[in-house]
């Protein structure tokens, strides 16, 4: 469903409570989180 959205270029399924492993693997320029977070409260902030 998510991959069918025009704004999405690729989808990967991951395991774990955080996305740290994917972040370390591809090192995106920016990690985006929703407005229920602040930059300071993002669990993966230190990895990024």
ModelCIF file with pLDDT and N, C-alpha, C, O atoms, coordinates in Angstrom:
data_MODEL
#
_entry.id   MODEL 
#
_entity.id                         1 
_entity.type                       polymer 
_entity.pdbx_number_of_molecules   1 
#
_entity_poly.entity_id                      1 
_entity_poly.type                           'polypeptide(L)' 
_entity_poly.nstd_linkage                   no 
_entity_poly.nstd_monomer                   no 
_entity_poly.pdbx_seq_one_letter_code       
;(UNK)(UNK)(UNK)(UNK)(UNK)(UNK)(UNK)(UNK)(UNK)(UNK)(UNK)(UNK)(UNK)(UNK)(UNK)(UNK)
(UNK)(UNK)(UNK)(UNK)(UNK)(UNK)(UNK)(UNK)(UNK)(UNK)(UNK)(UNK)(UNK)(UNK)(UNK)(UNK)
(UNK)(UNK)(UNK)(UNK)(UNK)(UNK)(UNK)(UNK)(UNK)(UNK)(UNK)(UNK)(UNK)(UNK)(UNK)(UNK)
;
_entity_poly.pdbx_seq_one_letter_code_can   XXXXXXXXXXXXXXXXXXXXXXXXXXXXXXXXXXXXXXXXXXXXXXXX 
_entity_poly.pdbx_strand_id                 A 
#
loop_
_entity_poly_seq.entity_id 
_entity_poly_seq.num 
_entity_poly_seq.mon_id 
_entity_poly_seq.hetero 
1 1  UNK n 
1 2  UNK n 
1 3  UNK n 
1 4  UNK n 
1 5  UNK n 
1 6  UNK n 
1 7  UNK n 
1 8  UNK n 
1 9  UNK n 
1 10 UNK n 
1 11 UNK n 
1 12 UNK n 
1 13 UNK n 
1 14 UNK n 
1 15 UNK n 
1 16 UNK n 
1 17 UNK n 
1 18 UNK n 
1 19 UNK n 
1 20 UNK n 
1 21 UNK n 
1 22 UNK n 
1 23 UNK n 
1 24 UNK n 
1 25 UNK n 
1 26 UNK n 
1 27 UNK n 
1 28 UNK n 
1 29 UNK n 
1 30 UNK n 
1 31 UNK n 
1 32 UNK n 
1 33 UNK n 
1 34 UNK n 
1 35 UNK n 
1 36 UNK n 
1 37 UNK n 
1 38 UNK n 
1 39 UNK n 
1 40 UNK n 
1 41 UNK n 
1 42 UNK n 
1 43 UNK n 
1 44 UNK n 
1 45 UNK n 
1 46 UNK n 
1 47 UNK n 
1 48 UNK n 
#
_struct_asym.id          A 
_struct_asym.entity_id   1 
#
loop_
_ma_qa_metric.id 
_ma_qa_metric.mode 
_ma_qa_metric.name 
_ma_qa_metric.software_group_id 
_ma_qa_metric.type 
1 global pLDDT . pLDDT 
2 local  pLDDT . pLDDT 
#
_ma_qa_metric_global.metric_id      1 
_ma_qa_metric_global.metric_value   96.62 
_ma_qa_metric_global.model_id       1 
_ma_qa_metric_global.ordinal_id     1 
#
loop_
_ma_qa_metric_local.label_asym_id 
_ma_qa_metric_local.label_comp_id 
_ma_qa_metric_local.label_seq_id 
_ma_qa_metric_local.metric_id 
_ma_qa_metric_local.metric_value 
_ma_qa_metric_local.model_id 
_ma_qa_metric_local.ordinal_id 
A UNK 1  2 95.00 1 1  
A UNK 2  2 97.00 1 2  
A UNK 3  2 96.00 1 3  
A UNK 4  2 94.00 1 4  
A UNK 5  2 96.00 1 5  
A UNK 6  2 95.00 1 6  
A UNK 7  2 97.00 1 7  
A UNK 8  2 97.00 1 8  
A UNK 9  2 97.00 1 9  
A UNK 10 2 97.00 1 10 
A UNK 11 2 98.00 1 11 
A UNK 12 2 98.00 1 12 
A UNK 13 2 98.00 1 13 
A UNK 14 2 98.00 1 14 
A UNK 15 2 97.00 1 15 
A UNK 16 2 93.00 1 16 
A UNK 17 2 94.00 1 17 
A UNK 18 2 96.00 1 18 
A UNK 19 2 98.00 1 19 
A UNK 20 2 98.00 1 20 
A UNK 21 2 98.00 1 21 
A UNK 22 2 98.00 1 22 
A UNK 23 2 98.00 1 23 
A UNK 24 2 98.00 1 24 
A UNK 25 2 98.00 1 25 
A UNK 26 2 98.00 1 26 
A UNK 27 2 98.00 1 27 
A UNK 28 2 98.00 1 28 
A UNK 29 2 98.00 1 29 
A UNK 30 2 98.00 1 30 
A UNK 31 2 98.00 1 31 
A UNK 32 2 98.00 1 32 
A UNK 33 2 97.00 1 33 
A UNK 34 2 95.00 1 34 
A UNK 35 2 93.00 1 35 
A UNK 36 2 91.00 1 36 
A UNK 37 2 94.00 1 37 
A UNK 38 2 95.00 1 38 
A UNK 39 2 95.00 1 39 
A UNK 40 2 96.00 1 40 
A UNK 41 2 96.00 1 41 
A UNK 42 2 97.00 1 42 
A UNK 43 2 96.00 1 43 
A UNK 44 2 97.00 1 44 
A UNK 45 2 97.00 1 45 
A UNK 46 2 98.00 1 46 
A UNK 47 2 98.00 1 47 
A UNK 48 2 98.00 1 48 
#
loop_
_atom_site.group_PDB 
_atom_site.id 
_atom_site.type_symbol 
_atom_site.label_atom_id 
_atom_site.label_alt_id 
_atom_site.label_comp_id 
_atom_site.label_asym_id 
_atom_site.label_entity_id 
_atom_site.label_seq_id 
_atom_site.pdbx_PDB_ins_code 
_atom_site.Cartn_x 
_atom_site.Cartn_y 
_atom_site.Cartn_z 
_atom_site.occupancy 
_atom_site.B_iso_or_equiv 
_atom_site.pdbx_formal_charge 
_atom_site.auth_seq_id 
_atom_site.auth_comp_id 
_atom_site.auth_asym_id 
_atom_site.auth_atom_id 
_atom_site.pdbx_PDB_model_num 
ATOM 1   N N  . UNK A 1 1  ? 0.830  -1.211 0.000  1.00 95.00 ? 1  UNK A N  1 
ATOM 2   C CA . UNK A 1 1  ? 0.000  0.000  0.000  1.00 95.00 ? 1  UNK A CA 1 
ATOM 3   C C  . UNK A 1 1  ? 0.863  1.260  0.000  1.00 95.00 ? 1  UNK A C  1 
ATOM 4   O O  . UNK A 1 1  ? 0.628  2.172  -0.792 1.00 95.00 ? 1  UNK A O  1 
ATOM 5   N N  . UNK A 1 2  ? 1.854  1.315  0.877  1.00 97.00 ? 2  UNK A N  1 
ATOM 6   C CA . UNK A 1 2  ? 2.708  2.498  0.965  1.00 97.00 ? 2  UNK A CA 1 
ATOM 7   C C  . UNK A 1 2  ? 3.518  2.671  -0.315 1.00 97.00 ? 2  UNK A C  1 
ATOM 8   O O  . UNK A 1 2  ? 3.711  3.796  -0.777 1.00 97.00 ? 2  UNK A O  1 
ATOM 9   N N  . UNK A 1 3  ? 3.992  1.572  -0.892 1.00 96.00 ? 3  UNK A N  1 
ATOM 10  C CA . UNK A 1 3  ? 4.803  1.683  -2.109 1.00 96.00 ? 3  UNK A CA 1 
ATOM 11  C C  . UNK A 1 3  ? 4.003  2.229  -3.294 1.00 96.00 ? 3  UNK A C  1 
ATOM 12  O O  . UNK A 1 3  ? 4.585  2.746  -4.248 1.00 96.00 ? 3  UNK A O  1 
ATOM 13  N N  . UNK A 1 4  ? 2.682  2.117  -3.238 1.00 94.00 ? 4  UNK A N  1 
ATOM 14  C CA . UNK A 1 4  ? 1.838  2.610  -4.329 1.00 94.00 ? 4  UNK A CA 1 
ATOM 15  C C  . UNK A 1 4  ? 1.669  4.130  -4.315 1.00 94.00 ? 4  UNK A C  1 
ATOM 16  O O  . UNK A 1 4  ? 1.171  4.703  -5.283 1.00 94.00 ? 4  UNK A O  1 
ATOM 17  N N  . UNK A 1 5  ? 2.074  4.778  -3.241 1.00 96.00 ? 5  UNK A N  1 
ATOM 18  C CA . UNK A 1 5  ? 1.936  6.233  -3.150 1.00 96.00 ? 5  UNK A CA 1 
ATOM 19  C C  . UNK A 1 5  ? 2.983  6.916  -4.025 1.00 96.00 ? 5  UNK A C  1 
ATOM 20  O O  . UNK A 1 5  ? 4.148  6.517  -4.029 1.00 96.00 ? 5  UNK A O  1 
ATOM 21  N N  . UNK A 1 6  ? 2.576  7.930  -4.756 1.00 95.00 ? 6  UNK A N  1 
ATOM 22  C CA . UNK A 1 6  ? 3.462  8.594  -5.707 1.00 95.00 ? 6  UNK A CA 1 
ATOM 23  C C  . UNK A 1 6  ? 4.701  9.207  -5.064 1.00 95.00 ? 6  UNK A C  1 
ATOM 24  O O  . UNK A 1 6  ? 5.742  9.296  -5.716 1.00 95.00 ? 6  UNK A O  1 
ATOM 25  N N  . UNK A 1 7  ? 4.619  9.628  -3.818 1.00 97.00 ? 7  UNK A N  1 
ATOM 26  C CA . UNK A 1 7  ? 5.764  10.268 -3.176 1.00 97.00 ? 7  UNK A CA 1 
ATOM 27  C C  . UNK A 1 7  ? 6.827  9.277  -2.721 1.00 97.00 ? 7  UNK A C  1 
ATOM 28  O O  . UNK A 1 7  ? 7.929  9.684  -2.352 1.00 97.00 ? 7  UNK A O  1 
ATOM 29  N N  . UNK A 1 8  ? 6.520  7.999  -2.740 1.00 97.00 ? 8  UNK A N  1 
ATOM 30  C CA . UNK A 1 8  ? 7.417  6.975  -2.192 1.00 97.00 ? 8  UNK A CA 1 
ATOM 31  C C  . UNK A 1 8  ? 8.244  6.342  -3.309 1.00 97.00 ? 8  UNK A C  1 
ATOM 32  O O  . UNK A 1 8  ? 7.705  5.892  -4.320 1.00 97.00 ? 8  UNK A O  1 
ATOM 33  N N  . UNK A 1 9  ? 9.556  6.315  -3.110 1.00 97.00 ? 9  UNK A N  1 
ATOM 34  C CA . UNK A 1 9  ? 10.460 5.727  -4.093 1.00 97.00 ? 9  UNK A CA 1 
ATOM 35  C C  . UNK A 1 9  ? 10.796 4.270  -3.798 1.00 97.00 ? 9  UNK A C  1 
ATOM 36  O O  . UNK A 1 9  ? 11.033 3.496  -4.726 1.00 97.00 ? 9  UNK A O  1 
ATOM 37  N N  . UNK A 1 10 ? 10.820 3.884  -2.537 1.00 97.00 ? 10 UNK A N  1 
ATOM 38  C CA . UNK A 1 10 ? 11.112 2.497  -2.169 1.00 97.00 ? 10 UNK A CA 1 
ATOM 39  C C  . UNK A 1 10 ? 10.621 2.244  -0.752 1.00 97.00 ? 10 UNK A C  1 
ATOM 40  O O  . UNK A 1 10 ? 10.557 3.153  0.075  1.00 97.00 ? 10 UNK A O  1 
ATOM 41  N N  . UNK A 1 11 ? 10.276 0.982  -0.492 1.00 98.00 ? 11 UNK A N  1 
ATOM 42  C CA . UNK A 1 11 ? 9.819  0.553  0.832  1.00 98.00 ? 11 UNK A CA 1 
ATOM 43  C C  . UNK A 1 11 ? 10.627 -0.665 1.239  1.00 98.00 ? 11 UNK A C  1 
ATOM 44  O O  . UNK A 1 11 ? 10.873 -1.563 0.434  1.00 98.00 ? 11 UNK A O  1 
ATOM 45  N N  . UNK A 1 12 ? 11.035 -0.683 2.500  1.00 98.00 ? 12 UNK A N  1 
ATOM 46  C CA . UNK A 1 12 ? 11.714 -1.840 3.070  1.00 98.00 ? 12 UNK A CA 1 
ATOM 47  C C  . UNK A 1 12 ? 11.026 -2.182 4.387  1.00 98.00 ? 12 UNK A C  1 
ATOM 48  O O  . UNK A 1 12 ? 10.590 -1.291 5.115  1.00 98.00 ? 12 UNK A O  1 
ATOM 49  N N  . UNK A 1 13 ? 10.931 -3.459 4.687  1.00 98.00 ? 13 UNK A N  1 
ATOM 50  C CA . UNK A 1 13 ? 10.354 -3.905 5.955  1.00 98.00 ? 13 UNK A CA 1 
ATOM 51  C C  . UNK A 1 13 ? 11.506 -4.173 6.908  1.00 98.00 ? 13 UNK A C  1 
ATOM 52  O O  . UNK A 1 13 ? 12.502 -4.790 6.529  1.00 98.00 ? 13 UNK A O  1 
ATOM 53  N N  . UNK A 1 14 ? 11.371 -3.704 8.160  1.00 98.00 ? 14 UNK A N  1 
ATOM 54  C CA . UNK A 1 14 ? 12.437 -3.910 9.142  1.00 98.00 ? 14 UNK A CA 1 
ATOM 55  C C  . UNK A 1 14 ? 11.869 -4.475 10.433 1.00 98.00 ? 14 UNK A C  1 
ATOM 56  O O  . UNK A 1 14 ? 10.675 -4.369 10.710 1.00 98.00 ? 14 UNK A O  1 
ATOM 57  N N  . UNK A 1 15 ? 12.753 -5.075 11.211 1.00 97.00 ? 15 UNK A N  1 
ATOM 58  C CA . UNK A 1 15 ? 12.354 -5.593 12.515 1.00 97.00 ? 15 UNK A CA 1 
ATOM 59  C C  . UNK A 1 15 ? 13.014 -4.744 13.593 1.00 97.00 ? 15 UNK A C  1 
ATOM 60  O O  . UNK A 1 15 ? 14.006 -4.060 13.342 1.00 97.00 ? 15 UNK A O  1 
ATOM 61  N N  . UNK A 1 16 ? 12.457 -4.796 14.778 1.00 93.00 ? 16 UNK A N  1 
ATOM 62  C CA . UNK A 1 16 ? 13.011 -4.034 15.889 1.00 93.00 ? 16 UNK A CA 1 
ATOM 63  C C  . UNK A 1 16 ? 12.135 -2.867 16.268 1.00 93.00 ? 16 UNK A C  1 
ATOM 64  O O  . UNK A 1 16 ? 11.222 -2.483 15.538 1.00 93.00 ? 16 UNK A O  1 
ATOM 65  N N  . UNK A 1 17 ? 12.430 -2.314 17.420 1.00 94.00 ? 17 UNK A N  1 
ATOM 66  C CA . UNK A 1 17 ? 11.620 -1.214 17.941 1.00 94.00 ? 17 UNK A CA 1 
ATOM 67  C C  . UNK A 1 17 ? 12.051 0.145  17.406 1.00 94.00 ? 17 UNK A C  1 
ATOM 68  O O  . UNK A 1 17 ? 11.298 1.114  17.496 1.00 94.00 ? 17 UNK A O  1 
ATOM 69  N N  . UNK A 1 18 ? 13.255 0.223  16.850 1.00 96.00 ? 18 UNK A N  1 
ATOM 70  C CA . UNK A 1 18 ? 13.726 1.455  16.211 1.00 96.00 ? 18 UNK A CA 1 
ATOM 71  C C  . UNK A 1 18 ? 14.225 1.113  14.816 1.00 96.00 ? 18 UNK A C  1 
ATOM 72  O O  . UNK A 1 18 ? 14.411 -0.056 14.479 1.00 96.00 ? 18 UNK A O  1 
ATOM 73  N N  . UNK A 1 19 ? 14.435 2.128  14.024 1.00 98.00 ? 19 UNK A N  1 
ATOM 74  C CA . UNK A 1 19 ? 14.904 1.951  12.652 1.00 98.00 ? 19 UNK A CA 1 
ATOM 75  C C  . UNK A 1 19 ? 16.412 2.185  12.550 1.00 98.00 ? 19 UNK A C  1 
ATOM 76  O O  . UNK A 1 19 ? 16.929 2.441  11.462 1.00 98.00 ? 19 UNK A O  1 
ATOM 77  N N  . UNK A 1 20 ? 17.118 2.097  13.681 1.00 98.00 ? 20 UNK A N  1 
ATOM 78  C CA . UNK A 1 20 ? 18.557 2.357  13.706 1.00 98.00 ? 20 UNK A CA 1 
ATOM 79  C C  . UNK A 1 20 ? 19.345 1.528  12.699 1.00 98.00 ? 20 UNK A C  1 
ATOM 80  O O  . UNK A 1 20 ? 20.244 2.060  12.047 1.00 98.00 ? 20 UNK A O  1 
ATOM 81  N N  . UNK A 1 21 ? 19.036 0.248  12.552 1.00 98.00 ? 21 UNK A N  1 
ATOM 82  C CA . UNK A 1 21 ? 19.791 -0.595 11.624 1.00 98.00 ? 21 UNK A CA 1 
ATOM 83  C C  . UNK A 1 21 ? 19.673 -0.104 10.185 1.00 98.00 ? 21 UNK A C  1 
ATOM 84  O O  . UNK A 1 21 ? 20.664 -0.081 9.455  1.00 98.00 ? 21 UNK A O  1 
ATOM 85  N N  . UNK A 1 22 ? 18.474 0.288  9.774  1.00 98.00 ? 22 UNK A N  1 
ATOM 86  C CA . UNK A 1 22 ? 18.287 0.802  8.415  1.00 98.00 ? 22 UNK A CA 1 
ATOM 87  C C  . UNK A 1 22 ? 19.039 2.130  8.263  1.00 98.00 ? 22 UNK A C  1 
ATOM 88  O O  . UNK A 1 22 ? 19.678 2.367  7.238  1.00 98.00 ? 22 UNK A O  1 
ATOM 89  N N  . UNK A 1 23 ? 18.964 2.976  9.262  1.00 98.00 ? 23 UNK A N  1 
ATOM 90  C CA . UNK A 1 23 ? 19.683 4.257  9.214  1.00 98.00 ? 23 UNK A CA 1 
ATOM 91  C C  . UNK A 1 23 ? 21.184 4.031  9.057  1.00 98.00 ? 23 UNK A C  1 
ATOM 92  O O  . UNK A 1 23 ? 21.821 4.684  8.230  1.00 98.00 ? 23 UNK A O  1 
ATOM 93  N N  . UNK A 1 24 ? 21.750 3.124  9.831  1.00 98.00 ? 24 UNK A N  1 
ATOM 94  C CA . UNK A 1 24 ? 23.191 2.854  9.725  1.00 98.00 ? 24 UNK A CA 1 
ATOM 95  C C  . UNK A 1 24 ? 23.542 2.272  8.361  1.00 98.00 ? 24 UNK A C  1 
ATOM 96  O O  . UNK A 1 24 ? 24.611 2.554  7.818  1.00 98.00 ? 24 UNK A O  1 
ATOM 97  N N  . UNK A 1 25 ? 22.649 1.464  7.809  1.00 98.00 ? 25 UNK A N  1 
ATOM 98  C CA . UNK A 1 25 ? 22.916 0.796  6.539  1.00 98.00 ? 25 UNK A CA 1 
ATOM 99  C C  . UNK A 1 25 ? 22.910 1.761  5.362  1.00 98.00 ? 25 UNK A C  1 
ATOM 100 O O  . UNK A 1 25 ? 23.814 1.720  4.527  1.00 98.00 ? 25 UNK A O  1 
ATOM 101 N N  . UNK A 1 26 ? 21.903 2.630  5.282  1.00 98.00 ? 26 UNK A N  1 
ATOM 102 C CA . UNK A 1 26 ? 21.807 3.506  4.093  1.00 98.00 ? 26 UNK A CA 1 
ATOM 103 C C  . UNK A 1 26 ? 22.202 4.949  4.351  1.00 98.00 ? 26 UNK A C  1 
ATOM 104 O O  . UNK A 1 26 ? 22.407 5.706  3.403  1.00 98.00 ? 26 UNK A O  1 
ATOM 105 N N  . UNK A 1 27 ? 22.312 5.347  5.613  1.00 98.00 ? 27 UNK A N  1 
ATOM 106 C CA . UNK A 1 27 ? 22.712 6.703  5.992  1.00 98.00 ? 27 UNK A CA 1 
ATOM 107 C C  . UNK A 1 27 ? 22.026 7.784  5.146  1.00 98.00 ? 27 UNK A C  1 
ATOM 108 O O  . UNK A 1 27 ? 22.680 8.511  4.398  1.00 98.00 ? 27 UNK A O  1 
ATOM 109 N N  . UNK A 1 28 ? 20.701 7.874  5.280  1.00 98.00 ? 28 UNK A N  1 
ATOM 110 C CA . UNK A 1 28 ? 19.987 8.896  4.505  1.00 98.00 ? 28 UNK A CA 1 
ATOM 111 C C  . UNK A 1 28 ? 20.411 10.304 4.917  1.00 98.00 ? 28 UNK A C  1 
ATOM 112 O O  . UNK A 1 28 ? 20.871 10.523 6.038  1.00 98.00 ? 28 UNK A O  1 
ATOM 113 N N  . UNK A 1 29 ? 20.254 11.232 4.015  1.00 98.00 ? 29 UNK A N  1 
ATOM 114 C CA . UNK A 1 29 ? 20.599 12.624 4.321  1.00 98.00 ? 29 UNK A CA 1 
ATOM 115 C C  . UNK A 1 29 ? 19.724 13.156 5.451  1.00 98.00 ? 29 UNK A C  1 
ATOM 116 O O  . UNK A 1 29 ? 20.173 13.941 6.286  1.00 98.00 ? 29 UNK A O  1 
ATOM 117 N N  . UNK A 1 30 ? 18.474 12.719 5.460  1.00 98.00 ? 30 UNK A N  1 
ATOM 118 C CA . UNK A 1 30 ? 17.535 13.198 6.475  1.00 98.00 ? 30 UNK A CA 1 
ATOM 119 C C  . UNK A 1 30 ? 16.641 12.046 6.945  1.00 98.00 ? 30 UNK A C  1 
ATOM 120 O O  . UNK A 1 30 ? 16.162 11.244 6.144  1.00 98.00 ? 30 UNK A O  1 
ATOM 121 N N  . UNK A 1 31 ? 16.435 11.988 8.228  1.00 98.00 ? 31 UNK A N  1 
ATOM 122 C CA . UNK A 1 31 ? 15.500 11.027 8.836  1.00 98.00 ? 31 UNK A CA 1 
ATOM 123 C C  . UNK A 1 31 ? 14.272 11.825 9.259  1.00 98.00 ? 31 UNK A C  1 
ATOM 124 O O  . UNK A 1 31 ? 14.374 12.761 10.052 1.00 98.00 ? 31 UNK A O  1 
ATOM 125 N N  . UNK A 1 32 ? 13.128 11.459 8.733  1.00 98.00 ? 32 UNK A N  1 
ATOM 126 C CA . UNK A 1 32 ? 11.894 12.199 8.984  1.00 98.00 ? 32 UNK A CA 1 
ATOM 127 C C  . UNK A 1 32 ? 11.023 11.473 9.996  1.00 98.00 ? 32 UNK A C  1 
ATOM 128 O O  . UNK A 1 32 ? 10.806 10.265 9.899  1.00 98.00 ? 32 UNK A O  1 
ATOM 129 N N  . UNK A 1 33 ? 10.531 12.224 10.960 1.00 97.00 ? 33 UNK A N  1 
ATOM 130 C CA . UNK A 1 33 ? 9.610  11.690 11.965 1.00 97.00 ? 33 UNK A CA 1 
ATOM 131 C C  . UNK A 1 33 ? 8.392  12.592 12.027 1.00 97.00 ? 33 UNK A C  1 
ATOM 132 O O  . UNK A 1 33 ? 8.438  13.752 11.618 1.00 97.00 ? 33 UNK A O  1 
ATOM 133 N N  . UNK A 1 34 ? 7.295  12.040 12.546 1.00 95.00 ? 34 UNK A N  1 
ATOM 134 C CA . UNK A 1 34 ? 6.050  12.778 12.640 1.00 95.00 ? 34 UNK A CA 1 
ATOM 135 C C  . UNK A 1 34 ? 6.026  13.770 13.778 1.00 95.00 ? 34 UNK A C  1 
ATOM 136 O O  . UNK A 1 34 ? 6.941  13.823 14.600 1.00 95.00 ? 34 UNK A O  1 
ATOM 137 N N  . UNK A 1 35 ? 4.969  14.553 13.813 1.00 93.00 ? 35 UNK A N  1 
ATOM 138 C CA . UNK A 1 35 ? 4.864  15.658 14.768 1.00 93.00 ? 35 UNK A CA 1 
ATOM 139 C C  . UNK A 1 35 ? 4.578  15.220 16.201 1.00 93.00 ? 35 UNK A C  1 
ATOM 140 O O  . UNK A 1 35 ? 4.459  16.065 17.089 1.00 93.00 ? 35 UNK A O  1 
ATOM 141 N N  . UNK A 1 36 ? 4.468  13.917 16.440 1.00 91.00 ? 36 UNK A N  1 
ATOM 142 C CA . UNK A 1 36 ? 4.360  13.456 17.816 1.00 91.00 ? 36 UNK A CA 1 
ATOM 143 C C  . UNK A 1 36 ? 5.749  13.416 18.464 1.00 91.00 ? 36 UNK A C  1 
ATOM 144 O O  . UNK A 1 36 ? 5.878  13.059 19.636 1.00 91.00 ? 36 UNK A O  1 
ATOM 145 N N  . UNK A 1 37 ? 6.783  13.780 17.707 1.00 94.00 ? 37 UNK A N  1 
ATOM 146 C CA . UNK A 1 37 ? 8.158  13.881 18.207 1.00 94.00 ? 37 UNK A CA 1 
ATOM 147 C C  . UNK A 1 37 ? 8.637  15.316 18.101 1.00 94.00 ? 37 UNK A C  1 
ATOM 148 O O  . UNK A 1 37 ? 8.037  16.139 17.411 1.00 94.00 ? 37 UNK A O  1 
ATOM 149 N N  . UNK A 1 38 ? 9.727  15.600 18.796 1.00 95.00 ? 38 UNK A N  1 
ATOM 150 C CA . UNK A 1 38 ? 10.547 16.778 18.537 1.00 95.00 ? 38 UNK A CA 1 
ATOM 151 C C  . UNK A 1 38 ? 11.900 16.225 18.112 1.00 95.00 ? 38 UNK A C  1 
ATOM 152 O O  . UNK A 1 38 ? 12.178 15.045 18.323 1.00 95.00 ? 38 UNK A O  1 
ATOM 153 N N  . UNK A 1 39 ? 12.740 17.059 17.520 1.00 95.00 ? 39 UNK A N  1 
ATOM 154 C CA . UNK A 1 39 ? 14.065 16.584 17.107 1.00 95.00 ? 39 UNK A CA 1 
ATOM 155 C C  . UNK A 1 39 ? 14.782 15.950 18.299 1.00 95.00 ? 39 UNK A C  1 
ATOM 156 O O  . UNK A 1 39 ? 15.487 14.954 18.139 1.00 95.00 ? 39 UNK A O  1 
ATOM 157 N N  . UNK A 1 40 ? 14.607 16.518 19.481 1.00 96.00 ? 40 UNK A N  1 
ATOM 158 C CA . UNK A 1 40 ? 15.299 16.027 20.673 1.00 96.00 ? 40 UNK A CA 1 
ATOM 159 C C  . UNK A 1 40 ? 14.756 14.692 21.186 1.00 96.00 ? 40 UNK A C  1 
ATOM 160 O O  . UNK A 1 40 ? 15.476 13.969 21.874 1.00 96.00 ? 40 UNK A O  1 
ATOM 161 N N  . UNK A 1 41 ? 13.503 14.347 20.868 1.00 96.00 ? 41 UNK A N  1 
ATOM 162 C CA . UNK A 1 41 ? 12.913 13.116 21.403 1.00 96.00 ? 41 UNK A CA 1 
ATOM 163 C C  . UNK A 1 41 ? 12.903 11.952 20.411 1.00 96.00 ? 41 UNK A C  1 
ATOM 164 O O  . UNK A 1 41 ? 12.429 10.868 20.747 1.00 96.00 ? 41 UNK A O  1 
ATOM 165 N N  . UNK A 1 42 ? 13.411 12.153 19.211 1.00 97.00 ? 42 UNK A N  1 
ATOM 166 C CA . UNK A 1 42 ? 13.461 11.072 18.227 1.00 97.00 ? 42 UNK A CA 1 
ATOM 167 C C  . UNK A 1 42 ? 14.408 9.984  18.736 1.00 97.00 ? 42 UNK A C  1 
ATOM 168 O O  . UNK A 1 42 ? 15.575 10.269 19.003 1.00 97.00 ? 42 UNK A O  1 
ATOM 169 N N  . UNK A 1 43 ? 13.933 8.751  18.873 1.00 96.00 ? 43 UNK A N  1 
ATOM 170 C CA . UNK A 1 43 ? 14.762 7.683  19.443 1.00 96.00 ? 43 UNK A CA 1 
ATOM 171 C C  . UNK A 1 43 ? 16.065 7.419  18.671 1.00 96.00 ? 43 UNK A C  1 
ATOM 172 O O  . UNK A 1 43 ? 17.062 7.001  19.259 1.00 96.00 ? 43 UNK A O  1 
ATOM 173 N N  . UNK A 1 44 ? 16.053 7.662  17.370 1.00 97.00 ? 44 UNK A N  1 
ATOM 174 C CA . UNK A 1 44 ? 17.219 7.387  16.535 1.00 97.00 ? 44 UNK A CA 1 
ATOM 175 C C  . UNK A 1 44 ? 18.122 8.607  16.341 1.00 97.00 ? 44 UNK A C  1 
ATOM 176 O O  . UNK A 1 44 ? 19.032 8.579  15.512 1.00 97.00 ? 44 UNK A O  1 
ATOM 177 N N  . UNK A 1 45 ? 17.882 9.651  17.084 1.00 97.00 ? 45 UNK A N  1 
ATOM 178 C CA . UNK A 1 45 ? 18.599 10.921 16.895 1.00 97.00 ? 45 UNK A CA 1 
ATOM 179 C C  . UNK A 1 45 ? 20.119 10.759 16.938 1.00 97.00 ? 45 UNK A C  1 
ATOM 180 O O  . UNK A 1 45 ? 20.822 11.297 16.083 1.00 97.00 ? 45 UNK A O  1 
ATOM 181 N N  . UNK A 1 46 ? 20.626 10.030 17.918 1.00 98.00 ? 46 UNK A N  1 
ATOM 182 C CA . UNK A 1 46 ? 22.082 9.867  18.060 1.00 98.00 ? 46 UNK A CA 1 
ATOM 183 C C  . UNK A 1 46 ? 22.681 9.111  16.875 1.00 98.00 ? 46 UNK A C  1 
ATOM 184 O O  . UNK A 1 46 ? 23.789 9.423  16.438 1.00 98.00 ? 46 UNK A O  1 
ATOM 185 N N  . UNK A 1 47 ? 21.970 8.139  16.361 1.00 98.00 ? 47 UNK A N  1 
ATOM 186 C CA . UNK A 1 47 ? 22.444 7.390  15.194 1.00 98.00 ? 47 UNK A CA 1 
ATOM 187 C C  . UNK A 1 47 ? 22.582 8.324  14.003 1.00 98.00 ? 47 UNK A C  1 
ATOM 188 O O  . UNK A 1 47 ? 23.592 8.292  13.300 1.00 98.00 ? 47 UNK A O  1 
ATOM 189 N N  . UNK A 1 48 ? 21.579 9.152  13.774 1.00 98.00 ? 48 UNK A N  1 
ATOM 190 C CA . UNK A 1 48 ? 21.596 10.089 12.641 1.00 98.00 ? 48 UNK A CA 1 
ATOM 191 C C  . UNK A 1 48 ? 22.736 11.094 12.807 1.00 98.00 ? 48 UNK A C  1 
ATOM 192 O O  . UNK A 1 48 ? 22.918 11.966 11.957 1.00 98.00 ? 48 UNK A O  1 
#
